[in-house]
Amino acid sequence: MTYSSTLATNRQRFGQRNQNSTSFQQKGRTIGPVSNTIILIVLACVLGLLYLTQVTKTNAYGYKINNLQDQQSQLKEEHDDLEVAAARLQALDRVQASEAAKNLVSVAPSATVQN
């Protein structure tokens, strides 16, 4: 035997005096392929549910925004109508209070037409 092979045999663990003949090693736990597949499917379902809740919230806010925009356009139309009515009502007062209206002469009918 060579020198290196005798060192290698000395390093082997054979039952020596005052030592246990069995050695205990902790085995790392691994997930099997079926468990791994199930976990991936569950994660995909959870991500899908999160996506659907976000889309539903977005759609709900879209309906609220649409309703508010419709209400805004109705209020703008009503505002425009009220501005026109206010201008019409103020126009009569302005015409009566103007200088040209004050200088007009009232005319009484001089004769009537009879058939």
PDB file of N, CA and C in Angstrom:
ATOM      1  N   MET A   1       0.814  -1.181   0.000  1.00  0.00           N
ATOM      2  CA  MET A   1       0.000   0.000   0.000  1.00  0.00           C
ATOM      3  C   MET A   1       0.858   1.245   0.000  1.00  0.00           C
ATOM      4  N   THR A   2       0.311   2.229  -0.668  1.00  0.00           N
ATOM      5  CA  THR A   2       1.040   3.488  -0.698  1.00  0.00           C
ATOM      6  C   THR A   2       0.667   4.322   0.509  1.00  0.00           C
ATOM      7  N   TYR A   3       1.384   5.361   0.657  1.00  0.00           N
ATOM      8  CA  TYR A   3       1.183   6.231   1.813  1.00  0.00           C
ATOM      9  C   TYR A   3      -0.184   6.924   1.757  1.00  0.00           C
ATOM     10  N   SER A   4      -0.618   7.334   0.571  1.00  0.00           N
ATOM     11  CA  SER A   4      -1.892   8.034   0.452  1.00  0.00           C
ATOM     12  C   SER A   4      -3.075   7.102   0.677  1.00  0.00           C
ATOM     13  N   SER A   5      -2.964   5.849   0.239  1.00  0.00           N
ATOM     14  CA  SER A   5      -4.076   4.931   0.459  1.00  0.00           C
ATOM     15  C   SER A   5      -4.195   4.552   1.925  1.00  0.00           C
ATOM     16  N   THR A   6      -3.127   4.505   2.670  1.00  0.00           N
ATOM     17  CA  THR A   6      -3.231   4.207   4.093  1.00  0.00           C
ATOM     18  C   THR A   6      -3.857   5.366   4.843  1.00  0.00           C
ATOM     19  N   LEU A   7      -3.624   6.586   4.401  1.00  0.00           N
ATOM     20  CA  LEU A   7      -4.275   7.742   5.046  1.00  0.00           C
ATOM     21  C   LEU A   7      -5.774   7.743   4.761  1.00  0.00           C
ATOM     22  N   ALA A   8      -6.116   7.349   3.559  1.00  0.00           N
ATOM     23  CA  ALA A   8      -7.528   7.329   3.198  1.00  0.00           C
ATOM     24  C   ALA A   8      -8.261   6.270   3.989  1.00  0.00           C
ATOM     25  N   THR A   9      -7.634   5.112   4.247  1.00  0.00           N
ATOM     26  CA  THR A   9      -8.320   4.084   5.020  1.00  0.00           C
ATOM     27  C   THR A   9      -8.457   4.477   6.479  1.00  0.00           C
ATOM     28  N   ASN A  10      -7.549   5.280   6.963  1.00  0.00           N
ATOM     29  CA  ASN A  10      -7.652   5.730   8.340  1.00  0.00           C
ATOM     30  C   ASN A  10      -8.777   6.739   8.522  1.00  0.00           C
ATOM     31  N   ARG A  11      -9.142   7.395   7.491  1.00  0.00           N
ATOM     32  CA  ARG A  11     -10.198   8.400   7.580  1.00  0.00           C
ATOM     33  C   ARG A  11     -11.594   7.791   7.516  1.00  0.00           C
ATOM     34  N   GLN A  12     -11.703   6.574   7.104  1.00  0.00           N
ATOM     35  CA  GLN A  12     -13.022   5.965   7.009  1.00  0.00           C
ATOM     36  C   GLN A  12     -13.567   5.731   8.400  1.00  0.00           C
ATOM     37  N   ARG A  13     -14.883   5.742   8.509  1.00  0.00           N
ATOM     38  CA  ARG A  13     -15.513   5.605   9.811  1.00  0.00           C
ATOM     39  C   ARG A  13     -15.924   4.166  10.018  1.00  0.00           C
ATOM     40  N   PHE A  14     -15.134   3.496  10.609  1.00  0.00           N
ATOM     41  CA  PHE A  14     -15.485   2.155  11.031  1.00  0.00           C
ATOM     42  C   PHE A  14     -15.662   2.191  12.529  1.00  0.00           C
ATOM     43  N   GLY A  15     -16.303   1.187  13.025  1.00  0.00           N
ATOM     44  CA  GLY A  15     -16.523   1.137  14.452  1.00  0.00           C
ATOM     45  C   GLY A  15     -15.225   1.108  15.215  1.00  0.00           C
ATOM     46  N   GLN A  16     -14.944   2.166  15.884  1.00  0.00           N
ATOM     47  CA  GLN A  16     -13.768   2.212  16.743  1.00  0.00           C
ATOM     48  C   GLN A  16     -14.209   2.104  18.192  1.00  0.00           C
ATOM     49  N   ARG A  17     -13.319   2.016  19.025  1.00  0.00           N
ATOM     50  CA  ARG A  17     -13.609   1.836  20.438  1.00  0.00           C
ATOM     51  C   ARG A  17     -14.257   3.095  20.997  1.00  0.00           C
ATOM     52  N   ASN A  18     -15.334   2.904  21.794  1.00  0.00           N
ATOM     53  CA  ASN A  18     -16.101   3.972  22.441  1.00  0.00           C
ATOM     54  C   ASN A  18     -16.781   4.916  21.438  1.00  0.00           C
ATOM     55  N   GLN A  19     -17.173   4.439  20.309  1.00  0.00           N
ATOM     56  CA  GLN A  19     -17.910   5.234  19.345  1.00  0.00           C
ATOM     57  C   GLN A  19     -19.090   4.417  18.844  1.00  0.00           C
ATOM     58  N   ASN A  20     -20.159   5.115  18.529  1.00  0.00           N
ATOM     59  CA  ASN A  20     -21.336   4.441  17.977  1.00  0.00           C
ATOM     60  C   ASN A  20     -21.050   3.995  16.556  1.00  0.00           C
ATOM     61  N   SER A  21     -21.617   2.882  16.198  1.00  0.00           N
ATOM     62  CA  SER A  21     -21.395   2.389  14.853  1.00  0.00           C
ATOM     63  C   SER A  21     -22.369   2.992  13.840  1.00  0.00           C
ATOM     64  N   THR A  22     -23.405   3.668  14.315  1.00  0.00           N
ATOM     65  CA  THR A  22     -24.354   4.310  13.394  1.00  0.00           C
ATOM     66  C   THR A  22     -24.199   5.813  13.507  1.00  0.00           C
ATOM     67  N   SER A  23     -24.283   6.451  12.402  1.00  0.00           N
ATOM     68  CA  SER A  23     -24.241   7.917  12.399  1.00  0.00           C
ATOM     69  C   SER A  23     -25.593   8.435  11.923  1.00  0.00           C
ATOM     70  N   PHE A  24     -26.014   9.486  12.547  1.00  0.00           N
ATOM     71  CA  PHE A  24     -27.309  10.068  12.212  1.00  0.00           C
ATOM     72  C   PHE A  24     -27.086  11.350  11.426  1.00  0.00           C
ATOM     73  N   GLN A  25     -27.751  11.427  10.304  1.00  0.00           N
ATOM     74  CA  GLN A  25     -27.686  12.642   9.496  1.00  0.00           C
ATOM     75  C   GLN A  25     -29.105  13.156   9.313  1.00  0.00           C
ATOM     76  N   GLN A  26     -29.237  14.442   9.453  1.00  0.00           N
ATOM     77  CA  GLN A  26     -30.555  15.015   9.180  1.00  0.00           C
ATOM     78  C   GLN A  26     -30.739  15.101   7.686  1.00  0.00           C
ATOM     79  N   LYS A  27     -31.860  14.598   7.259  1.00  0.00           N
ATOM     80  CA  LYS A  27     -32.160  14.615   5.837  1.00  0.00           C
ATOM     81  C   LYS A  27     -32.982  15.864   5.548  1.00  0.00           C
ATOM     82  N   GLY A  28     -32.614  16.606   4.554  1.00  0.00           N
ATOM     83  CA  GLY A  28     -33.377  17.788   4.174  1.00  0.00           C
ATOM     84  C   GLY A  28     -34.734  17.404   3.603  1.00  0.00           C
ATOM     85  N   ARG A  29     -35.746  18.117   4.027  1.00  0.00           N
ATOM     86  CA  ARG A  29     -37.092  17.809   3.518  1.00  0.00           C
ATOM     87  C   ARG A  29     -37.305  18.551   2.203  1.00  0.00           C
ATOM     88  N   THR A  30     -37.828  17.864   1.263  1.00  0.00           N
ATOM     89  CA  THR A  30     -38.121  18.470  -0.032  1.00  0.00           C
ATOM     90  C   THR A  30     -39.584  18.270  -0.354  1.00  0.00           C
ATOM     91  N   ILE A  31     -40.069  19.121  -1.188  1.00  0.00           N
ATOM     92  CA  ILE A  31     -41.460  19.028  -1.630  1.00  0.00           C
ATOM     93  C   ILE A  31     -41.493  18.146  -2.865  1.00  0.00           C
ATOM     94  N   GLY A  32     -42.436  17.245  -2.890  1.00  0.00           N
ATOM     95  CA  GLY A  32     -42.563  16.338  -4.016  1.00  0.00           C
ATOM     96  C   GLY A  32     -43.171  17.036  -5.221  1.00  0.00           C
ATOM     97  N   PRO A  33     -43.165  16.420  -6.371  1.00  0.00           N
ATOM     98  CA  PRO A  33     -43.693  17.060  -7.587  1.00  0.00           C
ATOM     99  C   PRO A  33     -45.202  17.287  -7.521  1.00  0.00           C
ATOM    100  N   VAL A  34     -45.941  16.401  -6.870  1.00  0.00           N
ATOM    101  CA  VAL A  34     -47.400  16.582  -6.778  1.00  0.00           C
ATOM    102  C   VAL A  34     -47.708  17.761  -5.864  1.00  0.00           C
ATOM    103  N   SER A  35     -47.032  17.822  -4.725  1.00  0.00           N
ATOM    104  CA  SER A  35     -47.246  18.937  -3.801  1.00  0.00           C
ATOM    105  C   SER A  35     -46.837  20.255  -4.445  1.00  0.00           C
ATOM    106  N   ASN A  36     -45.758  20.231  -5.166  1.00  0.00           N
ATOM    107  CA  ASN A  36     -45.294  21.428  -5.852  1.00  0.00           C
ATOM    108  C   ASN A  36     -46.322  21.900  -6.872  1.00  0.00           C
ATOM    109  N   THR A  37     -46.899  20.994  -7.615  1.00  0.00           N
ATOM    110  CA  THR A  37     -47.914  21.341  -8.610  1.00  0.00           C
ATOM    111  C   THR A  37     -49.161  21.909  -7.941  1.00  0.00           C
ATOM    112  N   ILE A  38     -49.571  21.302  -6.833  1.00  0.00           N
ATOM    113  CA  ILE A  38     -50.759  21.786  -6.122  1.00  0.00           C
ATOM    114  C   ILE A  38     -50.523  23.190  -5.586  1.00  0.00           C
ATOM    115  N   ILE A  39     -49.359  23.425  -5.026  1.00  0.00           N
ATOM    116  CA  ILE A  39     -49.045  24.757  -4.496  1.00  0.00           C
ATOM    117  C   ILE A  39     -49.042  25.792  -5.617  1.00  0.00           C
ATOM    118  N   LEU A  40     -48.490  25.454  -6.773  1.00  0.00           N
ATOM    119  CA  LEU A  40     -48.486  26.387  -7.900  1.00  0.00           C
ATOM    120  C   LEU A  40     -49.899  26.687  -8.385  1.00  0.00           C
ATOM    121  N   ILE A  41     -50.758  25.688  -8.409  1.00  0.00           N
ATOM    122  CA  ILE A  41     -52.143  25.899  -8.836  1.00  0.00           C
ATOM    123  C   ILE A  41     -52.873  26.803  -7.853  1.00  0.00           C
ATOM    124  N   VAL A  42     -52.658  26.570  -6.549  1.00  0.00           N
ATOM    125  CA  VAL A  42     -53.304  27.399  -5.531  1.00  0.00           C
ATOM    126  C   VAL A  42     -52.816  28.847  -5.634  1.00  0.00           C
ATOM    127  N   LEU A  43     -51.523  29.037  -5.835  1.00  0.00           N
ATOM    128  CA  LEU A  43     -50.992  30.395  -5.990  1.00  0.00           C
ATOM    129  C   LEU A  43     -51.563  31.083  -7.229  1.00  0.00           C
ATOM    130  N   ALA A  44     -51.697  30.346  -8.321  1.00  0.00           N
ATOM    131  CA  ALA A  44     -52.283  30.927  -9.529  1.00  0.00           C
ATOM    132  C   ALA A  44     -53.732  31.331  -9.286  1.00  0.00           C
ATOM    133  N   CYS A  45     -54.481  30.511  -8.546  1.00  0.00           N
ATOM    134  CA  CYS A  45     -55.878  30.856  -8.223  1.00  0.00           C
ATOM    135  C   CYS A  45     -55.955  32.099  -7.348  1.00  0.00           C
ATOM    136  N   VAL A  46     -55.069  32.197  -6.371  1.00  0.00           N
ATOM    137  CA  VAL A  46     -55.065  33.379  -5.495  1.00  0.00           C
ATOM    138  C   VAL A  46     -54.730  34.632  -6.292  1.00  0.00           C
ATOM    139  N   LEU A  47     -53.744  34.545  -7.175  1.00  0.00           N
ATOM    140  CA  LEU A  47     -53.406  35.698  -8.012  1.00  0.00           C
ATOM    141  C   LEU A  47     -54.561  36.064  -8.940  1.00  0.00           C
ATOM    142  N   GLY A  48     -55.257  35.071  -9.466  1.00  0.00           N
ATOM    143  CA  GLY A  48     -56.427  35.345 -10.303  1.00  0.00           C
ATOM    144  C   GLY A  48     -57.525  36.041  -9.536  1.00  0.00           C
ATOM    145  N   LEU A  49     -57.769  35.617  -8.296  1.00  0.00           N
ATOM    146  CA  LEU A  49     -58.787  36.275  -7.475  1.00  0.00           C
ATOM    147  C   LEU A  49     -58.400  37.709  -7.150  1.00  0.00           C
ATOM    148  N   LEU A  50     -57.129  37.940  -6.852  1.00  0.00           N
ATOM    149  CA  LEU A  50     -56.685  39.311  -6.601  1.00  0.00           C
ATOM    150  C   LEU A  50     -56.892  40.189  -7.837  1.00  0.00           C
ATOM    151  N   TYR A  51     -56.566  39.648  -9.004  1.00  0.00           N
ATOM    152  CA  TYR A  51     -56.761  40.400 -10.240  1.00  0.00           C
ATOM    153  C   TYR A  51     -58.238  40.727 -10.456  1.00  0.00           C
ATOM    154  N   LEU A  52     -59.105  39.737 -10.238  1.00  0.00           N
ATOM    155  CA  LEU A  52     -60.534  39.975 -10.436  1.00  0.00           C
ATOM    156  C   LEU A  52     -61.084  41.005  -9.465  1.00  0.00           C
ATOM    157  N   THR A  53     -60.627  41.001  -8.215  1.00  0.00           N
ATOM    158  CA  THR A  53     -61.118  42.010  -7.269  1.00  0.00           C
ATOM    159  C   THR A  53     -60.671  43.401  -7.692  1.00  0.00           C
ATOM    160  N   GLN A  54     -59.460  43.530  -8.195  1.00  0.00           N
ATOM    161  CA  GLN A  54     -58.989  44.842  -8.624  1.00  0.00           C
ATOM    162  C   GLN A  54     -59.768  45.324  -9.851  1.00  0.00           C
ATOM    163  N   VAL A  55     -60.040  44.430 -10.782  1.00  0.00           N
ATOM    164  CA  VAL A  55     -60.802  44.812 -11.978  1.00  0.00           C
ATOM    165  C   VAL A  55     -62.224  45.205 -11.594  1.00  0.00           C
ATOM    166  N   THR A  56     -62.826  44.481 -10.665  1.00  0.00           N
ATOM    167  CA  THR A  56     -64.180  44.794 -10.225  1.00  0.00           C
ATOM    168  C   THR A  56     -64.222  46.159  -9.557  1.00  0.00           C
ATOM    169  N   LYS A  57     -63.235  46.458  -8.733  1.00  0.00           N
ATOM    170  CA  LYS A  57     -63.180  47.779  -8.095  1.00  0.00           C
ATOM    171  C   LYS A  57     -63.035  48.872  -9.143  1.00  0.00           C
ATOM    172  N   THR A  58     -62.192  48.626 -10.128  1.00  0.00           N
ATOM    173  CA  THR A  58     -61.991  49.621 -11.185  1.00  0.00           C
ATOM    174  C   THR A  58     -63.285  49.851 -11.953  1.00  0.00           C
ATOM    175  N   ASN A  59     -64.007  48.790 -12.267  1.00  0.00           N
ATOM    176  CA  ASN A  59     -65.274  48.942 -12.975  1.00  0.00           C
ATOM    177  C   ASN A  59     -66.292  49.677 -12.124  1.00  0.00           C
ATOM    178  N   ALA A  60     -66.328  49.405 -10.830  1.00  0.00           N
ATOM    179  CA  ALA A  60     -67.271  50.101  -9.947  1.00  0.00           C
ATOM    180  C   ALA A  60     -66.963  51.594  -9.918  1.00  0.00           C
ATOM    181  N   TYR A  61     -65.673  51.939  -9.848  1.00  0.00           N
ATOM    182  CA  TYR A  61     -65.317  53.353  -9.874  1.00  0.00           C
ATOM    183  C   TYR A  61     -65.649  53.964 -11.229  1.00  0.00           C
ATOM    184  N   GLY A  62     -65.524  53.183 -12.296  1.00  0.00           N
ATOM    185  CA  GLY A  62     -65.878  53.685 -13.626  1.00  0.00           C
ATOM    186  C   GLY A  62     -67.357  54.025 -13.716  1.00  0.00           C
ATOM    187  N   TYR A  63     -68.225  53.185 -13.116  1.00  0.00           N
ATOM    188  CA  TYR A  63     -69.655  53.485 -13.118  1.00  0.00           C
ATOM    189  C   TYR A  63     -69.946  54.747 -12.319  1.00  0.00           C
ATOM    190  N   LYS A  64     -69.274  54.911 -11.180  1.00  0.00           N
ATOM    191  CA  LYS A  64     -69.484  56.117 -10.373  1.00  0.00           C
ATOM    192  C   LYS A  64     -69.050  57.353 -11.142  1.00  0.00           C
ATOM    193  N   ILE A  65     -67.898  57.265 -11.804  1.00  0.00           N
ATOM    194  CA  ILE A  65     -67.395  58.406 -12.575  1.00  0.00           C
ATOM    195  C   ILE A  65     -68.347  58.728 -13.715  1.00  0.00           C
ATOM    196  N   ASN A  66     -68.865  57.713 -14.383  1.00  0.00           N
ATOM    197  CA  ASN A  66     -69.804  57.931 -15.482  1.00  0.00           C
ATOM    198  C   ASN A  66     -71.069  58.614 -14.981  1.00  0.00           C
ATOM    199  N   ASN A  67     -71.597  58.167 -13.841  1.00  0.00           N
ATOM    200  CA  ASN A  67     -72.791  58.795 -13.275  1.00  0.00           C
ATOM    201  C   ASN A  67     -72.520  60.247 -12.898  1.00  0.00           C
ATOM    202  N   LEU A  68     -71.359  60.510 -12.325  1.00  0.00           N
ATOM    203  CA  LEU A  68     -71.021  61.883 -11.949  1.00  0.00           C
ATOM    204  C   LEU A  68     -70.841  62.771 -13.183  1.00  0.00           C
ATOM    205  N   GLN A  69     -70.288  62.218 -14.252  1.00  0.00           N
ATOM    206  CA  GLN A  69     -70.141  63.002 -15.479  1.00  0.00           C
ATOM    207  C   GLN A  69     -71.503  63.313 -16.092  1.00  0.00           C
ATOM    208  N   ASP A  70     -72.430  62.349 -16.052  1.00  0.00           N
ATOM    209  CA  ASP A  70     -73.786  62.611 -16.552  1.00  0.00           C
ATOM    210  C   ASP A  70     -74.466  63.702 -15.717  1.00  0.00           C
ATOM    211  N   GLN A  71     -74.299  63.605 -14.406  1.00  0.00           N
ATOM    212  CA  GLN A  71     -74.899  64.616 -13.525  1.00  0.00           C
ATOM    213  C   GLN A  71     -74.273  65.987 -13.787  1.00  0.00           C
ATOM    214  N   GLN A  72     -72.977  66.023 -14.038  1.00  0.00           N
ATOM    215  CA  GLN A  72     -72.307  67.283 -14.324  1.00  0.00           C
ATOM    216  C   GLN A  72     -72.836  67.895 -15.619  1.00  0.00           C
ATOM    217  N   SER A  73     -73.025  67.086 -16.657  1.00  0.00           N
ATOM    218  CA  SER A  73     -73.538  67.633 -17.923  1.00  0.00           C
ATOM    219  C   SER A  73     -74.972  68.131 -17.768  1.00  0.00           C
ATOM    220  N   GLN A  74     -75.790  67.427 -16.977  1.00  0.00           N
ATOM    221  CA  GLN A  74     -77.159  67.905 -16.738  1.00  0.00           C
ATOM    222  C   GLN A  74     -77.153  69.226 -15.984  1.00  0.00           C
ATOM    223  N   LEU A  75     -76.274  69.346 -14.996  1.00  0.00           N
ATOM    224  CA  LEU A  75     -76.200  70.595 -14.236  1.00  0.00           C
ATOM    225  C   LEU A  75     -75.677  71.744 -15.093  1.00  0.00           C
ATOM    226  N   LYS A  76     -74.760  71.455 -16.014  1.00  0.00           N
ATOM    227  CA  LYS A  76     -74.277  72.504 -16.921  1.00  0.00           C
ATOM    228  C   LYS A  76     -75.405  72.992 -17.835  1.00  0.00           C
ATOM    229  N   GLU A  77     -76.200  72.054 -18.361  1.00  0.00           N
ATOM    230  CA  GLU A  77     -77.323  72.440 -19.212  1.00  0.00           C
ATOM    231  C   GLU A  77     -78.335  73.280 -18.431  1.00  0.00           C
ATOM    232  N   GLU A  78     -78.613  72.868 -17.203  1.00  0.00           N
ATOM    233  CA  GLU A  78     -79.549  73.629 -16.372  1.00  0.00           C
ATOM    234  C   GLU A  78     -78.987  75.017 -16.063  1.00  0.00           C
ATOM    235  N   HIS A  79     -77.690  75.096 -15.824  1.00  0.00           N
ATOM    236  CA  HIS A  79     -77.053  76.385 -15.562  1.00  0.00           C
ATOM    237  C   HIS A  79     -77.173  77.299 -16.775  1.00  0.00           C
ATOM    238  N   ASP A  80     -76.924  76.759 -17.959  1.00  0.00           N
ATOM    239  CA  ASP A  80     -77.037  77.556 -19.182  1.00  0.00           C
ATOM    240  C   ASP A  80     -78.470  78.048 -19.385  1.00  0.00           C
ATOM    241  N   ASP A  81     -79.462  77.173 -19.142  1.00  0.00           N
ATOM    242  CA  ASP A  81     -80.862  77.577 -19.264  1.00  0.00           C
ATOM    243  C   ASP A  81     -81.200  78.685 -18.274  1.00  0.00           C
ATOM    244  N   LEU A  82     -80.698  78.574 -17.054  1.00  0.00           N
ATOM    245  CA  LEU A  82     -80.965  79.605 -16.050  1.00  0.00           C
ATOM    246  C   LEU A  82     -80.291  80.931 -16.402  1.00  0.00           C
ATOM    247  N   GLU A  83     -79.109  80.875 -17.001  1.00  0.00           N
ATOM    248  CA  GLU A  83     -78.444  82.108 -17.438  1.00  0.00           C
ATOM    249  C   GLU A  83     -79.255  82.801 -18.522  1.00  0.00           C
ATOM    250  N   VAL A  84     -79.802  82.027 -19.466  1.00  0.00           N
ATOM    251  CA  VAL A  84     -80.622  82.608 -20.541  1.00  0.00           C
ATOM    252  C   VAL A  84     -81.892  83.230 -19.958  1.00  0.00           C
ATOM    253  N   ALA A  85     -82.537  82.543 -19.015  1.00  0.00           N
ATOM    254  CA  ALA A  85     -83.752  83.070 -18.401  1.00  0.00           C
ATOM    255  C   ALA A  85     -83.459  84.333 -17.597  1.00  0.00           C
ATOM    256  N   ALA A  86     -82.336  84.353 -16.891  1.00  0.00           N
ATOM    257  CA  ALA A  86     -81.974  85.541 -16.122  1.00  0.00           C
ATOM    258  C   ALA A  86     -81.685  86.710 -17.044  1.00  0.00           C
ATOM    259  N   ALA A  87     -81.001  86.467 -18.155  1.00  0.00           N
ATOM    260  CA  ALA A  87     -80.717  87.539 -19.115  1.00  0.00           C
ATOM    261  C   ALA A  87     -82.010  88.067 -19.729  1.00  0.00           C
ATOM    262  N   ARG A  88     -82.957  87.178 -20.023  1.00  0.00           N
ATOM    263  CA  ARG A  88     -84.236  87.597 -20.592  1.00  0.00           C
ATOM    264  C   ARG A  88     -85.014  88.467 -19.603  1.00  0.00           C
ATOM    265  N   LEU A  89     -85.038  88.081 -18.346  1.00  0.00           N
ATOM    266  CA  LEU A  89     -85.772  88.855 -17.342  1.00  0.00           C
ATOM    267  C   LEU A  89     -85.101  90.186 -17.051  1.00  0.00           C
ATOM    268  N   GLN A  90     -83.783  90.222 -17.074  1.00  0.00           N
ATOM    269  CA  GLN A  90     -83.088  91.478 -16.827  1.00  0.00           C
ATOM    270  C   GLN A  90     -83.172  92.408 -18.026  1.00  0.00           C
ATOM    271  N   ALA A  91     -83.385  91.880 -19.199  1.00  0.00           N
ATOM    272  CA  ALA A  91     -83.439  92.704 -20.404  1.00  0.00           C
ATOM    273  C   ALA A  91     -84.632  93.652 -20.353  1.00  0.00           C
ATOM    274  N   LEU A  92     -85.783  93.209 -19.867  1.00  0.00           N
ATOM    275  CA  LEU A  92     -86.955  94.087 -19.804  1.00  0.00           C
ATOM    276  C   LEU A  92     -86.719  95.261 -18.861  1.00  0.00           C
ATOM    277  N   ASP A  93     -86.114  94.994 -17.716  1.00  0.00           N
ATOM    278  CA  ASP A  93     -85.821  96.071 -16.768  1.00  0.00           C
ATOM    279  C   ASP A  93     -84.803  97.041 -17.345  1.00  0.00           C
ATOM    280  N   ARG A  94     -83.814  96.548 -18.051  1.00  0.00           N
ATOM    281  CA  ARG A  94     -82.797  97.427 -18.642  1.00  0.00           C
ATOM    282  C   ARG A  94     -83.381  98.298 -19.748  1.00  0.00           C
ATOM    283  N   VAL A  95     -84.255  97.720 -20.537  1.00  0.00           N
ATOM    284  CA  VAL A  95     -84.867  98.498 -21.624  1.00  0.00           C
ATOM    285  C   VAL A  95     -85.743  99.604 -21.047  1.00  0.00           C
ATOM    286  N   GLN A  96     -86.518  99.292 -20.009  1.00  0.00           N
ATOM    287  CA  GLN A  96     -87.385 100.303 -19.414  1.00  0.00           C
ATOM    288  C   GLN A  96     -86.590 101.386 -18.703  1.00  0.00           C
ATOM    289  N   ALA A  97     -85.419 101.058 -18.182  1.00  0.00           N
ATOM    290  CA  ALA A  97     -84.623 102.047 -17.457  1.00  0.00           C
ATOM    291  C   ALA A  97     -83.659 102.799 -18.362  1.00  0.00           C
ATOM    292  N   SER A  98     -83.578 102.447 -19.625  1.00  0.00           N
ATOM    293  CA  SER A  98     -82.619 103.102 -20.517  1.00  0.00           C
ATOM    294  C   SER A  98     -83.100 104.512 -20.884  1.00  0.00           C
ATOM    295  N   GLU A  99     -82.151 105.345 -21.336  1.00  0.00           N
ATOM    296  CA  GLU A  99     -82.447 106.739 -21.743  1.00  0.00           C
ATOM    297  C   GLU A  99     -83.333 106.783 -22.985  1.00  0.00           C
ATOM    298  N   ALA A 100     -83.132 105.866 -23.882  1.00  0.00           N
ATOM    299  CA  ALA A 100     -83.936 105.865 -25.114  1.00  0.00           C
ATOM    300  C   ALA A 100     -85.387 105.574 -24.792  1.00  0.00           C
ATOM    301  N   ALA A 101     -85.651 104.720 -23.849  1.00  0.00           N
ATOM    302  CA  ALA A 101     -87.034 104.402 -23.491  1.00  0.00           C
ATOM    303  C   ALA A 101     -87.681 105.568 -22.752  1.00  0.00           C
ATOM    304  N   LYS A 102     -86.890 106.314 -21.994  1.00  0.00           N
ATOM    305  CA  LYS A 102     -87.437 107.458 -21.262  1.00  0.00           C
ATOM    306  C   LYS A 102     -87.800 108.605 -22.204  1.00  0.00           C
ATOM    307  N   ASN A 103     -87.096 108.717 -23.318  1.00  0.00           N
ATOM    308  CA  ASN A 103     -87.347 109.804 -24.261  1.00  0.00           C
ATOM    309  C   ASN A 103     -88.470 109.488 -25.245  1.00  0.00           C
ATOM    310  N   LEU A 104     -89.003 108.293 -25.203  1.00  0.00           N
ATOM    311  CA  LEU A 104     -90.086 107.955 -26.126  1.00  0.00           C
ATOM    312  C   LEU A 104     -91.373 108.666 -25.696  1.00  0.00           C
ATOM    313  N   VAL A 105     -92.158 108.990 -26.696  1.00  0.00           N
ATOM    314  CA  VAL A 105     -93.433 109.664 -26.452  1.00  0.00           C
ATOM    315  C   VAL A 105     -94.527 108.616 -26.595  1.00  0.00           C
ATOM    316  N   SER A 106     -95.445 108.623 -25.673  1.00  0.00           N
ATOM    317  CA  SER A 106     -96.547 107.685 -25.787  1.00  0.00           C
ATOM    318  C   SER A 106     -97.565 108.221 -26.785  1.00  0.00           C
ATOM    319  N   VAL A 107     -98.110 107.343 -27.551  1.00  0.00           N
ATOM    320  CA  VAL A 107     -99.038 107.723 -28.610  1.00  0.00           C
ATOM    321  C   VAL A 107    -100.384 107.092 -28.286  1.00  0.00           C
ATOM    322  N   ALA A 108    -101.401 107.916 -28.338  1.00  0.00           N
ATOM    323  CA  ALA A 108    -102.755 107.415 -28.143  1.00  0.00           C
ATOM    324  C   ALA A 108    -103.391 107.197 -29.517  1.00  0.00           C
ATOM    325  N   PRO A 109    -104.229 106.186 -29.670  1.00  0.00           N
ATOM    326  CA  PRO A 109    -104.865 105.963 -30.966  1.00  0.00           C
ATOM    327  C   PRO A 109    -105.797 107.135 -31.324  1.00  0.00           C
ATOM    328  N   SER A 110    -105.643 107.644 -32.552  1.00  0.00           N
ATOM    329  CA  SER A 110    -106.422 108.816 -32.953  1.00  0.00           C
ATOM    330  C   SER A 110    -107.778 108.428 -33.530  1.00  0.00           C
ATOM    331  N   ALA A 111    -107.832 107.290 -34.144  1.00  0.00           N
ATOM    332  CA  ALA A 111    -109.112 106.900 -34.720  1.00  0.00           C
ATOM    333  C   ALA A 111    -109.164 105.391 -34.814  1.00  0.00           C
ATOM    334  N   THR A 112    -110.341 104.878 -34.962  1.00  0.00           N
ATOM    335  CA  THR A 112    -110.518 103.431 -35.111  1.00  0.00           C
ATOM    336  C   THR A 112    -111.048 103.155 -36.486  1.00  0.00           C
ATOM    337  N   VAL A 113    -110.754 102.018 -36.987  1.00  0.00           N
ATOM    338  CA  VAL A 113    -111.211 101.614 -38.307  1.00  0.00           C
ATOM    339  C   VAL A 113    -112.460 100.775 -38.123  1.00  0.00           C
ATOM    340  N   GLN A 114    -113.501 101.140 -38.849  1.00  0.00           N
ATOM    341  CA  GLN A 114    -114.733 100.373 -38.757  1.00  0.00           C
ATOM    342  C   GLN A 114    -115.080  99.828 -40.115  1.00  0.00           C
ATOM    343  N   ASN A 115    -115.639  98.673 -40.148  1.00  0.00           N
ATOM    344  CA  ASN A 115    -116.029  98.075 -41.407  1.00  0.00           C
ATOM    345  C   ASN A 115    -117.452  98.333 -41.743  1.00  0.00           C
TER     346      ASN A 115
END
